[in-house]
Structures are given as C-alpha cells and as structure tokens.
Amino acid sequence: QVDKNAELVARWYYCALSQEKLCRPIVACELGRLYNKDAVIEFLLDKSADKTPMEAASHIKSIKNVTELNLADNPAWSGDKESIKGDKYDDIQSARFICPVVGLEMNGRHRFCFLRNCGCVFSERALKEIKAEVCHKCGVPFQEEDVIILNGNKEDVEVLKKRMEDRRLKSKLEKKSKKCKSAESASRQDTAEDSPGPSKAKNGKDCINSSSGEKRQIIFTKSSDNGNSSIPGKVNKAASTTTKRSIADSEEKSEAYKSIFTSHSSAKRSKEECSNWITHTAYYF
C-alpha cells in the first residue's frame, strides 16, 4: 500500500514532470497537475529522438496548454530554513500557499481548484460558499467549464479530459473556418481584379497625359474599306489629325508656363551679356 502522506507530498510539493520541488513560476495543465514552468519549457524544447515518453506531460503540446498560477503565500509558513540541521520535525500539514478567501492551506487535505482564464487558485469550499460569476481575487468573469480541480481523483480527471478534448476540437474547427473564409476572400479579390471595370468596358477612349499635365482623349474610330473593318492597333487619319491639333494647342498654352523657368529660351542671355574668364560678371567695367 502506498503511504497517503507520501502521495500527497509528491503531488502537492513536487513537480509532476521533473520530480523537483515546486518553485515559482508554477503552472498547471488542463488536467489539474502541477509543474515547474522551467521543466515544461525544457520538455517542449527537447525534440531529440531518444526522448523518454512522459505520461504526466504527454497531453502538453505547447506552452498554451498550461496556465501560470496566481498563488497566495501562507504567512505562517517558515520554509526550509529551520530544518537545515535536521533536528526539527517537518509538519506536513503546513503548506506554502493558502486560499485567499477562506484561508485553508493547500496541502492536499482540502480540494483546491484554479480558474483557467486568470490562473487564480481557490479552495473548492470558497467557490461553493461564495457563489459568483467573477473571480474573487482579480475580477475576471468565468464559467463552470473554466474551473479546473487541482490533483483531483480519477473521476475528476476523466471529466477534465473530456472538456480538454472538446475544447481542442472546437479550436481546430474555428481555425479551419477562418482559413476557409480567408481563402474565399482572396479568391474574390482575384476575380475582381481580373474582371474589367465599368469604365474600361463601356468607354472606348484612352487618356494620354501631356508634358504640361493636361489630359487629352484620343478617340479610336473604325473605318470600313469595301465593307471590311480596319486592322486593330492602327489609328485612322482623322484621329491622327485631331491629336496633332490638340498637341499644338497644348504647346501654345504651355509656352507661358515654360517661360517661368530659366531653361526657357527667353531666359537665356546672349554671348555679349555672358561672362568670360577675365571679368567677374558681364556688367563689370
């Protein structure tokens, strides 16, 4: 027979993965087991082939599967300092952490649970006596599914396992639906880009920007020679004459705009006004 006290100490005082003493930061999985966060990170990073399978952490696939616990310290707990010499009795009843509402010690004699949303730890008695839909410590809202019992019995573990499987299956379905929606939106954008717009489909006119920033429209007309349509890609003579006239008109209008700059012919000096290598300026006497 297994000693009950030894079993309680192993569950509540030691990490379920590394079998070392629990020290902050302490995390708990969805089945209610306690771990050191460093041990969980090392377990996830170790991807070697000779990795020993651990039953206590086989359900932990990523750091998101564990929750960091927000524990309340026990003011009456003296720690391991007094028992260094070995001449002091170790009280198993005293625990390092307590329930912040009722004050019960977290030593395995009482049922404790934590909230998956915020990680706050309470005794089951506190949640039953003070019923609320909000965390007693931090005020975060929670539901019954978010309450996970720490180191529960076999029945509790089975219930938590079913909840964990349902939760993970639901998250997978949500991810798949999001991927399908993103793929559909991307395909719709591609089809919208490929299909011609109303301006391109209706109008048979192309715009050409001139040097002065003005827009001109060239109308492509169809000419029939003996009932045959013109070759595509060529412009009729009438269209070419209209474009030449519009270009000439725009050049006449832009002369006033060009005369502002020094590159214009009116701004250039003659040879007599320009300076040479002897004089400083053209007006030096």
Protein backbone atom coordinates (compact mmCIF):
# COMPACT_ATOMS: atom_id res chain seq x y z
CA GLN A 1 0.00 0.00 0.00
CA VAL A 2 1.13 3.50 -0.84
CA ASP A 3 1.52 5.87 2.07
CA LYS A 4 -1.14 8.57 1.75
CA ASN A 5 1.05 11.26 3.28
CA ALA A 6 3.89 10.48 0.86
CA GLU A 7 1.46 10.53 -2.07
CA LEU A 8 0.07 13.92 -1.02
CA VAL A 9 3.55 15.37 -0.60
CA ALA A 10 4.59 14.07 -4.04
CA ARG A 11 1.54 15.64 -5.68
CA TRP A 12 1.37 18.99 -3.92
CA TYR A 13 5.01 19.79 -3.13
CA TYR A 14 6.88 18.38 -6.17
CA CYS A 15 6.73 18.90 -9.92
CA ALA A 16 4.90 16.12 -11.77
CA LEU A 17 7.39 16.26 -14.64
CA SER A 18 10.86 16.79 -13.14
CA GLN A 19 10.10 15.49 -9.60
CA GLU A 20 11.77 18.60 -8.15
CA LYS A 21 10.32 20.90 -5.51
CA LEU A 22 7.73 23.32 -6.80
CA CYS A 23 9.07 26.85 -7.09
CA ARG A 24 7.66 29.87 -8.80
CA PRO A 25 6.65 30.25 -11.57
CA ILE A 26 4.30 27.29 -11.08
CA VAL A 27 1.94 26.19 -13.89
CA ALA A 28 -0.94 23.74 -14.09
CA CYS A 29 -2.22 21.75 -17.06
CA GLU A 30 -5.81 21.21 -18.15
CA LEU A 31 -5.96 18.00 -16.09
CA GLY A 32 -5.01 19.80 -12.85
CA ARG A 33 -1.40 18.66 -12.43
CA LEU A 34 1.27 20.97 -11.03
CA TYR A 35 4.56 21.66 -12.81
CA ASN A 36 7.52 23.99 -12.69
CA LYS A 37 7.37 26.24 -15.73
CA ASP A 38 11.07 25.68 -16.46
CA ALA A 39 10.54 21.92 -16.59
CA VAL A 40 7.64 22.28 -19.06
CA ILE A 41 9.68 24.57 -21.34
CA GLU A 42 12.61 22.15 -21.33
CA PHE A 43 10.26 19.26 -22.11
CA LEU A 44 8.77 21.13 -25.10
CA LEU A 45 12.16 22.23 -26.45
CA ASP A 46 13.69 18.75 -26.21
CA LYS A 47 12.99 17.23 -29.64
CA SER A 48 15.67 14.53 -29.60
CA ALA A 49 14.91 11.02 -30.82
CA ASP A 50 15.91 9.37 -27.54
CA LYS A 51 13.43 11.49 -25.56
CA THR A 52 11.81 9.44 -22.83
CA PRO A 53 8.00 9.45 -23.03
CA MET A 54 6.42 11.12 -20.02
CA GLU A 55 2.86 10.15 -19.18
CA ALA A 56 2.44 13.18 -16.93
CA ALA A 57 3.09 15.59 -19.84
CA SER A 58 2.01 13.62 -22.92
CA HIS A 59 -1.04 15.87 -23.37
CA ILE A 60 1.02 19.09 -23.29
CA LYS A 61 1.77 20.06 -26.90
CA SER A 62 2.62 23.73 -26.41
CA ILE A 63 3.06 26.31 -23.65
CA LYS A 64 -0.55 27.44 -24.32
CA ASN A 65 -1.82 24.17 -22.83
CA VAL A 66 -0.66 25.22 -19.33
CA THR A 67 -1.74 28.15 -17.15
CA GLU A 68 0.55 30.07 -14.80
CA LEU A 69 -0.95 30.03 -11.31
CA ASN A 70 -1.55 33.12 -9.20
CA LEU A 71 -0.91 31.71 -5.71
CA ALA A 72 -1.38 33.34 -2.28
CA ASP A 73 1.52 32.86 0.18
CA ASN A 74 0.95 31.39 3.63
CA PRO A 75 2.19 33.86 6.31
CA ALA A 76 2.65 31.01 8.82
CA TRP A 77 4.94 29.00 6.57
CA SER A 78 8.57 29.29 7.73
CA GLY A 79 10.13 27.36 4.87
CA ASP A 80 13.10 25.00 4.90
CA LYS A 81 15.44 27.31 6.81
CA GLU A 82 14.64 25.90 10.27
CA SER A 83 15.04 22.24 9.23
CA ILE A 84 18.54 22.56 7.76
CA LYS A 85 20.23 20.93 10.79
CA GLY A 86 17.82 18.02 10.79
CA ASP A 87 16.79 18.41 14.41
CA LYS A 88 13.29 19.80 13.69
CA TYR A 89 10.08 17.98 12.89
CA ASP A 90 8.69 18.72 9.43
CA ASP A 91 4.99 19.45 9.68
CA ILE A 92 3.29 18.04 6.59
CA GLN A 93 0.06 19.89 7.40
CA SER A 94 1.65 23.31 6.86
CA ALA A 95 1.76 24.43 3.24
CA ARG A 96 3.45 27.22 1.38
CA PHE A 97 0.22 28.52 -0.20
CA ILE A 98 -3.28 29.10 1.12
CA CYS A 99 -6.72 30.01 -0.18
CA PRO A 100 -7.00 33.85 -0.22
CA VAL A 101 -10.74 33.73 0.59
CA VAL A 102 -11.17 31.07 3.31
CA GLY A 103 -7.55 30.68 4.46
CA LEU A 104 -7.28 26.89 4.02
CA GLU A 105 -3.75 25.58 3.43
CA MET A 106 -3.02 23.96 0.07
CA ASN A 107 -1.53 20.73 1.47
CA GLY A 108 -3.76 18.17 -0.26
CA ARG A 109 -6.18 17.71 2.63
CA HIS A 110 -8.67 20.08 1.03
CA ARG A 111 -9.80 20.26 -2.59
CA PHE A 112 -8.35 23.21 -4.49
CA CYS A 113 -9.06 24.50 -8.00
CA PHE A 114 -7.90 27.25 -10.31
CA LEU A 115 -9.55 29.39 -12.98
CA ARG A 116 -8.26 28.80 -16.50
CA ASN A 117 -8.88 32.43 -17.56
CA CYS A 118 -6.77 34.20 -14.92
CA GLY A 119 -4.88 31.42 -13.06
CA CYS A 120 -6.09 32.40 -9.57
CA VAL A 121 -6.21 29.48 -7.10
CA PHE A 122 -9.04 28.99 -4.57
CA SER A 123 -10.37 26.23 -2.41
CA GLU A 124 -13.49 24.46 -3.62
CA ARG A 125 -15.22 25.44 -0.37
CA ALA A 126 -14.72 29.13 -1.13
CA LEU A 127 -16.29 28.82 -4.60
CA LYS A 128 -19.27 26.91 -3.18
CA GLU A 129 -19.90 29.22 -0.23
CA ILE A 130 -19.38 32.48 -2.13
CA LYS A 131 -21.06 31.90 -5.47
CA ALA A 132 -20.14 34.44 -8.09
CA GLU A 133 -19.53 34.64 -11.84
CA VAL A 134 -16.45 36.80 -11.30
CA CYS A 135 -13.07 35.87 -9.81
CA HIS A 136 -12.83 36.79 -6.11
CA LYS A 137 -9.26 38.00 -6.49
CA CYS A 138 -8.89 39.77 -9.84
CA GLY A 139 -12.50 40.21 -11.03
CA VAL A 140 -12.20 38.30 -14.33
CA PRO A 141 -15.51 36.64 -15.38
CA PHE A 142 -15.52 32.83 -15.64
CA GLN A 143 -17.84 29.90 -16.27
CA GLU A 144 -18.12 26.42 -14.79
CA GLU A 145 -16.01 24.97 -17.63
CA ASP A 146 -13.13 27.27 -16.68
CA VAL A 147 -12.87 25.81 -13.16
CA ILE A 148 -10.20 23.06 -13.07
CA ILE A 149 -9.65 20.97 -9.94
CA LEU A 150 -6.03 20.54 -8.85
CA ASN A 151 -4.82 16.94 -8.32
CA GLY A 152 -8.34 15.52 -8.44
CA ASN A 153 -9.37 11.87 -8.31
CA LYS A 154 -9.92 9.61 -11.33
CA GLU A 155 -13.48 10.81 -11.94
CA ASP A 156 -12.38 14.44 -11.92
CA VAL A 157 -9.53 13.68 -14.33
CA GLU A 158 -11.91 11.93 -16.75
CA VAL A 159 -14.29 14.90 -16.75
CA LEU A 160 -11.39 17.34 -17.28
CA LYS A 161 -10.03 15.16 -20.09
CA LYS A 162 -13.35 15.25 -21.95
CA ARG A 163 -13.50 19.02 -21.56
CA MET A 164 -9.94 19.34 -22.85
CA GLU A 165 -10.68 17.22 -25.94
CA ASP A 166 -13.87 19.16 -26.71
CA ARG A 167 -12.07 22.47 -26.27
CA ARG A 168 -9.22 21.49 -28.60
CA LEU A 169 -11.59 20.10 -31.24
CA LYS A 170 -13.58 23.34 -31.14
CA SER A 171 -10.43 25.42 -31.59
CA LYS A 172 -9.39 23.29 -34.60
CA LEU A 173 -12.78 23.79 -36.25
CA GLU A 174 -12.58 27.54 -35.67
CA LYS A 175 -9.11 27.67 -37.26
CA LYS A 176 -10.33 25.72 -40.29
CA SER A 177 -13.32 28.01 -40.74
CA LYS A 178 -11.06 31.08 -40.53
CA LYS A 179 -8.73 29.61 -43.17
CA CYS A 180 -11.68 28.86 -45.49
CA LYS A 181 -13.02 32.41 -45.07
CA SER A 182 -9.60 33.94 -45.81
CA ALA A 183 -9.21 31.74 -48.92
CA GLU A 184 -12.67 32.74 -50.19
CA SER A 185 -11.97 36.45 -49.67
CA ALA A 186 -8.63 36.12 -51.51
CA SER A 187 -10.29 34.35 -54.45
CA ARG A 188 -12.97 37.06 -54.61
CA GLN A 189 -10.32 39.76 -54.73
CA ASP A 190 -8.50 37.94 -57.55
CA THR A 191 -11.69 37.62 -59.59
CA ALA A 192 -12.49 41.30 -59.00
CA GLU A 193 -9.03 42.32 -60.21
CA ASP A 194 -9.22 40.10 -63.32
CA SER A 195 -12.69 41.30 -64.41
CA PRO A 196 -12.71 44.65 -66.31
CA GLY A 197 -14.21 47.64 -64.56
CA PRO A 198 -17.19 49.62 -65.85
CA SER A 199 -15.04 52.43 -67.17
CA LYS A 200 -12.89 50.02 -69.21
CA ALA A 201 -15.81 48.00 -70.55
CA LYS A 202 -18.07 50.91 -71.56
CA ASN A 203 -15.73 53.61 -72.79
CA GLY A 204 -13.65 53.15 -75.90
CA LYS A 205 -11.40 56.10 -75.14
CA ASP A 206 -7.81 56.16 -73.91
CA CYS A 207 -6.30 59.08 -72.00
CA ILE A 208 -2.77 60.35 -72.64
CA ASN A 209 -1.01 62.77 -70.29
CA SER A 210 0.78 65.68 -71.93
CA SER A 211 4.00 67.31 -70.70
CA SER A 212 2.06 70.21 -69.17
CA GLY A 213 -0.04 67.92 -67.02
CA GLU A 214 -3.22 68.24 -69.12
CA LYS A 215 -5.19 65.20 -70.23
CA ARG A 216 -6.20 64.57 -73.83
CA GLN A 217 -8.51 61.94 -75.18
CA ILE A 218 -7.85 60.09 -78.40
CA ILE A 219 -10.94 58.57 -79.96
CA PHE A 220 -10.36 55.33 -81.81
CA THR A 221 -12.84 55.09 -84.68
CA LYS A 222 -13.42 52.26 -87.07
CA SER A 223 -13.16 52.84 -90.82
CA SER A 224 -14.56 50.38 -93.31
CA ASP A 225 -12.92 49.82 -96.68
CA ASN A 226 -15.26 47.93 -99.02
CA GLY A 227 -17.19 46.61 -96.03
CA ASN A 228 -14.06 45.41 -94.18
CA SER A 229 -13.12 46.77 -90.76
CA SER A 230 -9.71 48.34 -90.16
CA ILE A 231 -6.82 46.37 -88.70
CA PRO A 232 -6.78 46.55 -84.89
CA GLY A 233 -3.91 48.52 -83.35
CA LYS A 234 -3.89 51.25 -86.06
CA VAL A 235 -5.44 54.72 -85.84
CA ASN A 236 -7.31 56.45 -88.69
CA LYS A 237 -6.10 59.62 -90.34
CA ALA A 238 -8.91 61.67 -88.83
CA ALA A 239 -7.90 60.63 -85.33
CA SER A 240 -4.25 61.46 -86.03
CA THR A 241 -5.14 64.97 -87.27
CA THR A 242 -7.21 65.65 -84.16
CA THR A 243 -4.37 64.54 -81.94
CA LYS A 244 -1.88 66.78 -83.79
CA ARG A 245 -4.15 69.78 -83.37
CA SER A 246 -4.71 69.12 -79.68
CA ILE A 247 -0.94 68.73 -79.13
CA ALA A 248 -0.25 72.03 -80.92
CA ASP A 249 -2.88 73.85 -78.87
CA SER A 250 -1.46 72.50 -75.65
CA GLU A 251 2.09 73.54 -76.64
CA GLU A 252 0.90 77.12 -77.35
CA LYS A 253 -0.82 77.26 -73.96
CA SER A 254 2.19 75.86 -72.16
CA GLU A 255 4.64 78.47 -73.53
CA ALA A 256 3.60 80.93 -70.81
CA TYR A 257 4.15 78.20 -68.22
CA LYS A 258 7.58 77.31 -69.66
CA SER A 259 8.75 80.96 -69.72
CA ILE A 260 8.77 80.98 -65.90
CA PHE A 261 11.80 78.69 -65.74
CA THR A 262 15.42 79.56 -66.59
CA SER A 263 15.60 76.73 -69.11
CA HIS A 264 13.29 78.65 -71.46
CA SER A 265 14.77 80.45 -74.49
CA SER A 266 13.57 83.86 -73.27
CA ALA A 267 15.56 83.50 -70.06
CA LYS A 268 18.86 82.72 -71.81
CA ARG A 269 21.44 85.51 -72.17
CA SER A 270 23.26 86.44 -75.30
CA LYS A 271 27.00 85.98 -75.74
CA GLU A 272 27.65 89.68 -75.02
CA GLU A 273 25.84 89.51 -71.69
CA CYS A 274 27.51 86.28 -70.60
CA SER A 275 30.68 86.49 -68.51
CA ASN A 276 34.09 85.37 -69.74
CA TRP A 277 37.14 84.06 -67.95
CA ILE A 278 38.60 87.52 -67.27
CA THR A 279 35.71 89.56 -65.91
CA HIS A 280 33.79 88.68 -62.75
CA THR A 281 30.37 89.42 -64.26
CA ALA A 282 29.07 90.68 -67.58
CA TYR A 283 28.45 94.12 -66.08
CA TYR A 284 31.93 94.60 -64.62
CA PHE A 285 33.81 97.68 -66.01
